[in-house]
Amino acid sequence: MSEDILWNCGGTVASFGIEVPAWIDADITGYTIAVIEGAGCASGAYMPAAYYHSAAATMAEHGDAVLDHLADCFGSDIPLPNISETSWAGLASHFLMMAVDVWAFNIADELRDAIAAEVEAE
C-alpha cells in the first residue's frame, strides 16, 4: 500500500480507532505520522517532543509511562544521549522524541489499513 495514504490524511489517529497514549497530543494526524516516519521527531515532525519546555512538562506528568513504553520496545537497551552534553530538559526531549518515533512507526501500518478500509467502505 502506498505511503501516500498517510501523507493525505488530516484525520486524527484516534478517529480510526487507534489508541493514542496520554503523552502524545490526542489530535495527532495521519499526516504527522507520515512525517515522523519519514524524518523522525528530531526533524521537527512532532514539535511537542522537540521543544524542551513542552517535553519537560510532558515527561513531568507522563515520564514513567514514556519510559515503560521504551522499555517494552528496547528492554534494558534504551539508547541514551551523551549525558555530559545534555540538559535535564534535553533528556526529557530525547526520551519523549524516541518514544513518539517508536509509537508512530509501530502504528503506521495499522493506520494505513484503517484508512484504506474506510476509503473502501465509502
N, C-alpha and C. Protein backbone atom coordinates (compact mmCIF):
# COMPACT_ATOMS: atom_id res chain seq x y z
N MET A 1 0.85 -1.17 0.00
CA MET A 1 0.00 0.00 0.00
C MET A 1 0.90 1.24 0.00
N SER A 2 0.53 2.22 -0.72
CA SER A 2 1.34 3.43 -0.86
C SER A 2 1.40 4.23 0.43
N GLU A 3 2.55 4.79 0.70
CA GLU A 3 2.72 5.65 1.86
C GLU A 3 1.89 6.91 1.71
N ASP A 4 1.52 7.25 0.47
CA ASP A 4 0.75 8.46 0.22
C ASP A 4 -0.55 8.52 1.01
N ILE A 5 -1.08 7.39 1.36
CA ILE A 5 -2.35 7.38 2.09
C ILE A 5 -2.22 8.12 3.42
N LEU A 6 -1.06 8.05 4.06
CA LEU A 6 -0.85 8.80 5.30
C LEU A 6 -0.58 10.27 5.02
N TRP A 7 0.17 10.55 3.97
CA TRP A 7 0.51 11.94 3.64
C TRP A 7 -0.73 12.76 3.36
N ASN A 8 -1.79 12.11 2.92
CA ASN A 8 -3.02 12.82 2.58
C ASN A 8 -4.09 12.71 3.67
N CYS A 9 -3.71 12.23 4.84
CA CYS A 9 -4.67 12.01 5.91
C CYS A 9 -4.56 13.11 6.96
N GLY A 10 -5.56 13.96 6.99
CA GLY A 10 -5.63 15.00 8.02
C GLY A 10 -6.46 14.59 9.21
N GLY A 11 -7.06 13.40 9.13
CA GLY A 11 -7.87 12.91 10.25
C GLY A 11 -7.00 12.47 11.41
N THR A 12 -7.57 12.53 12.60
CA THR A 12 -6.81 12.13 13.77
C THR A 12 -6.62 10.61 13.80
N VAL A 13 -5.52 10.18 14.38
CA VAL A 13 -5.24 8.76 14.53
C VAL A 13 -6.35 8.11 15.34
N ALA A 14 -6.80 8.77 16.40
CA ALA A 14 -7.84 8.22 17.25
C ALA A 14 -9.15 8.01 16.50
N SER A 15 -9.42 8.84 15.50
CA SER A 15 -10.68 8.70 14.75
C SER A 15 -10.72 7.41 13.94
N PHE A 16 -9.57 6.74 13.81
CA PHE A 16 -9.51 5.46 13.11
C PHE A 16 -9.45 4.29 14.09
N GLY A 17 -9.77 4.58 15.36
CA GLY A 17 -9.84 3.53 16.37
C GLY A 17 -8.50 3.12 16.97
N ILE A 18 -7.46 3.91 16.75
CA ILE A 18 -6.14 3.60 17.29
C ILE A 18 -5.93 4.42 18.56
N GLU A 19 -5.55 3.73 19.63
CA GLU A 19 -5.34 4.41 20.90
C GLU A 19 -4.09 5.27 20.85
N VAL A 20 -4.24 6.50 21.29
CA VAL A 20 -3.12 7.44 21.37
C VAL A 20 -2.75 7.57 22.85
N PRO A 21 -1.49 7.29 23.18
CA PRO A 21 -1.08 7.41 24.58
C PRO A 21 -1.28 8.83 25.11
N ALA A 22 -1.45 8.95 26.40
CA ALA A 22 -1.69 10.26 27.03
C ALA A 22 -0.52 11.21 26.84
N TRP A 23 0.67 10.68 26.56
CA TRP A 23 1.86 11.51 26.40
C TRP A 23 2.05 12.00 24.96
N ILE A 24 1.07 11.75 24.12
CA ILE A 24 1.04 12.26 22.75
C ILE A 24 -0.24 13.07 22.59
N ASP A 25 -0.16 14.21 21.90
CA ASP A 25 -1.35 15.02 21.67
C ASP A 25 -2.45 14.18 21.04
N ALA A 26 -3.63 14.23 21.60
CA ALA A 26 -4.76 13.42 21.14
C ALA A 26 -5.15 13.74 19.70
N ASP A 27 -4.81 14.92 19.22
CA ASP A 27 -5.19 15.31 17.86
C ASP A 27 -4.12 15.03 16.81
N ILE A 28 -3.16 14.15 17.11
CA ILE A 28 -2.14 13.78 16.14
C ILE A 28 -2.80 13.16 14.91
N THR A 29 -2.34 13.55 13.72
CA THR A 29 -2.97 13.12 12.47
C THR A 29 -2.15 12.09 11.72
N GLY A 30 -2.79 11.49 10.74
CA GLY A 30 -2.09 10.58 9.85
C GLY A 30 -0.94 11.26 9.13
N TYR A 31 -1.15 12.48 8.74
CA TYR A 31 -0.09 13.25 8.09
C TYR A 31 1.13 13.37 9.01
N THR A 32 0.91 13.66 10.27
CA THR A 32 2.01 13.77 11.22
C THR A 32 2.74 12.44 11.36
N ILE A 33 2.01 11.34 11.36
CA ILE A 33 2.64 10.01 11.42
C ILE A 33 3.54 9.82 10.20
N ALA A 34 3.08 10.23 9.03
CA ALA A 34 3.88 10.11 7.81
C ALA A 34 5.17 10.92 7.91
N VAL A 35 5.07 12.13 8.45
CA VAL A 35 6.25 12.97 8.59
C VAL A 35 7.22 12.36 9.61
N ILE A 36 6.71 11.85 10.70
CA ILE A 36 7.56 11.19 11.70
C ILE A 36 8.24 9.99 11.06
N GLU A 37 7.49 9.21 10.32
CA GLU A 37 8.05 8.04 9.66
C GLU A 37 9.17 8.42 8.69
N GLY A 38 8.99 9.54 8.04
CA GLY A 38 9.97 9.97 7.05
C GLY A 38 11.21 10.60 7.64
N ALA A 39 11.05 11.35 8.73
CA ALA A 39 12.19 12.12 9.22
C ALA A 39 12.40 12.05 10.72
N GLY A 40 11.46 11.49 11.46
CA GLY A 40 11.60 11.41 12.91
C GLY A 40 11.24 12.71 13.61
N CYS A 41 10.98 12.60 14.89
CA CYS A 41 10.61 13.78 15.68
C CYS A 41 11.72 14.82 15.73
N ALA A 42 12.96 14.39 15.72
CA ALA A 42 14.08 15.33 15.83
C ALA A 42 14.11 16.31 14.68
N SER A 43 13.45 15.98 13.57
CA SER A 43 13.39 16.88 12.42
C SER A 43 12.39 18.01 12.63
N GLY A 44 11.63 17.93 13.70
CA GLY A 44 10.56 18.90 13.95
C GLY A 44 9.21 18.37 13.53
N ALA A 45 9.15 17.09 13.20
CA ALA A 45 7.90 16.48 12.76
C ALA A 45 6.83 16.48 13.86
N TYR A 46 7.27 16.44 15.09
CA TYR A 46 6.33 16.48 16.23
C TYR A 46 6.93 17.42 17.26
N MET A 47 6.58 18.67 17.17
CA MET A 47 7.22 19.72 17.96
C MET A 47 7.00 19.61 19.47
N PRO A 48 5.88 19.08 19.97
CA PRO A 48 5.75 18.97 21.43
C PRO A 48 6.86 18.12 22.07
N ALA A 49 7.45 17.22 21.31
CA ALA A 49 8.56 16.43 21.84
C ALA A 49 9.90 17.11 21.60
N ALA A 50 9.99 17.92 20.58
CA ALA A 50 11.25 18.58 20.24
C ALA A 50 11.51 19.83 21.09
N TYR A 51 10.46 20.56 21.44
CA TYR A 51 10.63 21.74 22.28
C TYR A 51 10.92 21.29 23.71
N TYR A 52 12.04 21.75 24.24
CA TYR A 52 12.45 21.33 25.57
C TYR A 52 11.38 21.61 26.62
N HIS A 53 10.77 22.80 26.56
CA HIS A 53 9.80 23.17 27.59
C HIS A 53 8.60 22.22 27.59
N SER A 54 8.03 21.96 26.43
CA SER A 54 6.85 21.08 26.39
C SER A 54 7.23 19.63 26.67
N ALA A 55 8.41 19.20 26.22
CA ALA A 55 8.85 17.83 26.50
C ALA A 55 9.06 17.64 28.00
N ALA A 56 9.66 18.63 28.65
CA ALA A 56 9.88 18.53 30.10
C ALA A 56 8.55 18.47 30.85
N ALA A 57 7.58 19.25 30.42
CA ALA A 57 6.26 19.23 31.06
C ALA A 57 5.57 17.89 30.85
N THR A 58 5.65 17.36 29.64
CA THR A 58 5.04 16.05 29.35
C THR A 58 5.71 14.96 30.17
N MET A 59 7.04 15.00 30.23
CA MET A 59 7.75 13.97 30.99
C MET A 59 7.49 14.11 32.49
N ALA A 60 7.29 15.32 32.98
CA ALA A 60 6.96 15.50 34.39
C ALA A 60 5.63 14.82 34.72
N GLU A 61 4.70 14.86 33.78
CA GLU A 61 3.39 14.26 34.01
C GLU A 61 3.33 12.79 33.62
N HIS A 62 4.02 12.41 32.53
CA HIS A 62 3.87 11.06 31.98
C HIS A 62 5.19 10.31 31.82
N GLY A 63 6.23 10.77 32.46
CA GLY A 63 7.56 10.19 32.26
C GLY A 63 7.64 8.70 32.51
N ASP A 64 6.98 8.22 33.54
CA ASP A 64 7.02 6.79 33.83
C ASP A 64 6.40 5.98 32.68
N ALA A 65 5.28 6.46 32.16
CA ALA A 65 4.63 5.76 31.05
C ALA A 65 5.50 5.79 29.79
N VAL A 66 6.16 6.91 29.55
CA VAL A 66 7.05 7.02 28.39
C VAL A 66 8.21 6.04 28.53
N LEU A 67 8.83 6.01 29.70
CA LEU A 67 9.95 5.09 29.91
C LEU A 67 9.49 3.63 29.89
N ASP A 68 8.30 3.35 30.38
CA ASP A 68 7.75 1.99 30.29
C ASP A 68 7.57 1.59 28.83
N HIS A 69 7.07 2.51 28.02
CA HIS A 69 6.91 2.25 26.59
C HIS A 69 8.25 1.94 25.94
N LEU A 70 9.25 2.74 26.27
CA LEU A 70 10.59 2.50 25.71
C LEU A 70 11.16 1.17 26.19
N ALA A 71 10.95 0.84 27.45
CA ALA A 71 11.43 -0.44 27.99
C ALA A 71 10.73 -1.61 27.30
N ASP A 72 9.44 -1.45 27.00
CA ASP A 72 8.72 -2.50 26.27
C ASP A 72 9.31 -2.71 24.88
N CYS A 73 9.80 -1.64 24.28
CA CYS A 73 10.34 -1.71 22.92
C CYS A 73 11.82 -2.11 22.89
N PHE A 74 12.60 -1.60 23.83
CA PHE A 74 14.05 -1.80 23.79
C PHE A 74 14.60 -2.70 24.90
N GLY A 75 13.76 -3.07 25.84
CA GLY A 75 14.26 -3.81 27.00
C GLY A 75 15.16 -2.89 27.81
N SER A 76 16.26 -3.42 28.28
CA SER A 76 17.18 -2.61 29.09
C SER A 76 18.17 -1.83 28.24
N ASP A 77 18.04 -1.90 26.92
CA ASP A 77 18.97 -1.24 26.00
C ASP A 77 18.40 0.05 25.41
N ILE A 78 17.72 0.84 26.21
CA ILE A 78 17.18 2.12 25.73
C ILE A 78 18.36 3.02 25.36
N PRO A 79 18.39 3.50 24.12
CA PRO A 79 19.51 4.37 23.72
C PRO A 79 19.56 5.65 24.54
N LEU A 80 20.75 5.98 24.99
CA LEU A 80 20.97 7.17 25.81
C LEU A 80 21.72 8.23 25.02
N PRO A 81 21.43 9.48 25.29
CA PRO A 81 22.22 10.55 24.67
C PRO A 81 23.54 10.70 25.42
N ASN A 82 24.42 11.54 24.93
CA ASN A 82 25.64 11.87 25.65
C ASN A 82 25.24 12.72 26.85
N ILE A 83 25.18 12.10 28.00
CA ILE A 83 24.68 12.75 29.21
C ILE A 83 25.47 14.02 29.55
N SER A 84 26.76 14.02 29.31
CA SER A 84 27.58 15.18 29.69
C SER A 84 27.30 16.40 28.82
N GLU A 85 26.62 16.20 27.70
CA GLU A 85 26.32 17.32 26.81
C GLU A 85 24.83 17.62 26.72
N THR A 86 24.05 17.10 27.67
CA THR A 86 22.60 17.23 27.61
C THR A 86 22.05 17.81 28.90
N SER A 87 21.13 18.75 28.77
CA SER A 87 20.46 19.32 29.94
C SER A 87 19.34 18.39 30.40
N TRP A 88 18.77 18.70 31.55
CA TRP A 88 17.63 17.93 32.06
C TRP A 88 16.48 17.96 31.05
N ALA A 89 16.16 19.14 30.54
CA ALA A 89 15.09 19.26 29.55
C ALA A 89 15.47 18.55 28.26
N GLY A 90 16.75 18.56 27.94
CA GLY A 90 17.22 17.84 26.75
C GLY A 90 17.01 16.34 26.89
N LEU A 91 17.23 15.82 28.10
CA LEU A 91 16.96 14.40 28.34
C LEU A 91 15.47 14.10 28.17
N ALA A 92 14.62 14.98 28.69
CA ALA A 92 13.17 14.80 28.54
C ALA A 92 12.81 14.76 27.06
N SER A 93 13.35 15.68 26.30
CA SER A 93 13.07 15.72 24.87
C SER A 93 13.59 14.47 24.17
N HIS A 94 14.80 14.04 24.51
CA HIS A 94 15.38 12.84 23.91
C HIS A 94 14.47 11.63 24.09
N PHE A 95 14.06 11.38 25.33
CA PHE A 95 13.24 10.20 25.60
C PHE A 95 11.84 10.32 25.01
N LEU A 96 11.26 11.51 25.07
CA LEU A 96 9.92 11.69 24.51
C LEU A 96 9.95 11.56 22.98
N MET A 97 10.94 12.17 22.32
CA MET A 97 11.03 12.02 20.86
C MET A 97 11.20 10.56 20.47
N MET A 98 12.05 9.84 21.20
CA MET A 98 12.27 8.43 20.90
C MET A 98 10.98 7.63 21.06
N ALA A 99 10.25 7.90 22.13
CA ALA A 99 9.00 7.17 22.38
C ALA A 99 7.95 7.48 21.31
N VAL A 100 7.83 8.74 20.92
CA VAL A 100 6.87 9.10 19.88
C VAL A 100 7.28 8.47 18.55
N ASP A 101 8.56 8.52 18.23
CA ASP A 101 9.04 7.87 17.00
C ASP A 101 8.66 6.40 16.97
N VAL A 102 8.97 5.68 18.04
CA VAL A 102 8.70 4.25 18.10
C VAL A 102 7.20 3.98 18.00
N TRP A 103 6.41 4.76 18.75
CA TRP A 103 4.96 4.56 18.71
C TRP A 103 4.44 4.80 17.29
N ALA A 104 4.88 5.88 16.65
CA ALA A 104 4.41 6.20 15.29
C ALA A 104 4.77 5.09 14.30
N PHE A 105 5.99 4.60 14.38
CA PHE A 105 6.39 3.51 13.49
C PHE A 105 5.57 2.26 13.75
N ASN A 106 5.27 1.99 15.01
CA ASN A 106 4.51 0.79 15.36
C ASN A 106 3.06 0.83 14.92
N ILE A 107 2.46 2.01 14.84
CA ILE A 107 1.04 2.07 14.47
C ILE A 107 0.83 2.46 13.01
N ALA A 108 1.87 2.81 12.29
CA ALA A 108 1.73 3.34 10.93
C ALA A 108 1.00 2.37 10.00
N ASP A 109 1.37 1.11 10.00
CA ASP A 109 0.71 0.16 9.10
C ASP A 109 -0.74 -0.09 9.51
N GLU A 110 -0.99 -0.16 10.81
CA GLU A 110 -2.37 -0.30 11.29
C GLU A 110 -3.21 0.89 10.84
N LEU A 111 -2.63 2.08 10.91
CA LEU A 111 -3.34 3.28 10.48
C LEU A 111 -3.59 3.25 8.98
N ARG A 112 -2.59 2.84 8.20
CA ARG A 112 -2.79 2.71 6.75
C ARG A 112 -3.95 1.78 6.44
N ASP A 113 -3.97 0.63 7.12
CA ASP A 113 -5.04 -0.34 6.89
C ASP A 113 -6.40 0.24 7.26
N ALA A 114 -6.47 0.97 8.36
CA ALA A 114 -7.75 1.56 8.80
C ALA A 114 -8.22 2.63 7.81
N ILE A 115 -7.29 3.43 7.31
CA ILE A 115 -7.65 4.45 6.33
C ILE A 115 -8.13 3.80 5.05
N ALA A 116 -7.42 2.77 4.59
CA ALA A 116 -7.80 2.06 3.37
C ALA A 116 -9.17 1.42 3.51
N ALA A 117 -9.45 0.85 4.67
CA ALA A 117 -10.76 0.22 4.91
C ALA A 117 -11.86 1.27 4.86
N GLU A 118 -11.59 2.43 5.43
CA GLU A 118 -12.59 3.50 5.40
C GLU A 118 -12.83 3.99 3.98
N VAL A 119 -11.78 4.11 3.20
CA VAL A 119 -11.91 4.55 1.80
C VAL A 119 -12.71 3.53 1.00
N GLU A 120 -12.42 2.24 1.22
CA GLU A 120 -13.15 1.18 0.52
C GLU A 120 -14.63 1.17 0.88
N ALA A 121 -14.93 1.49 2.12
CA ALA A 121 -16.32 1.48 2.58
C ALA A 121 -17.14 2.63 2.01
N GLU A 122 -16.47 3.68 1.54
CA GLU A 122 -17.20 4.84 1.04
C GLU A 122 -17.77 4.61 -0.31
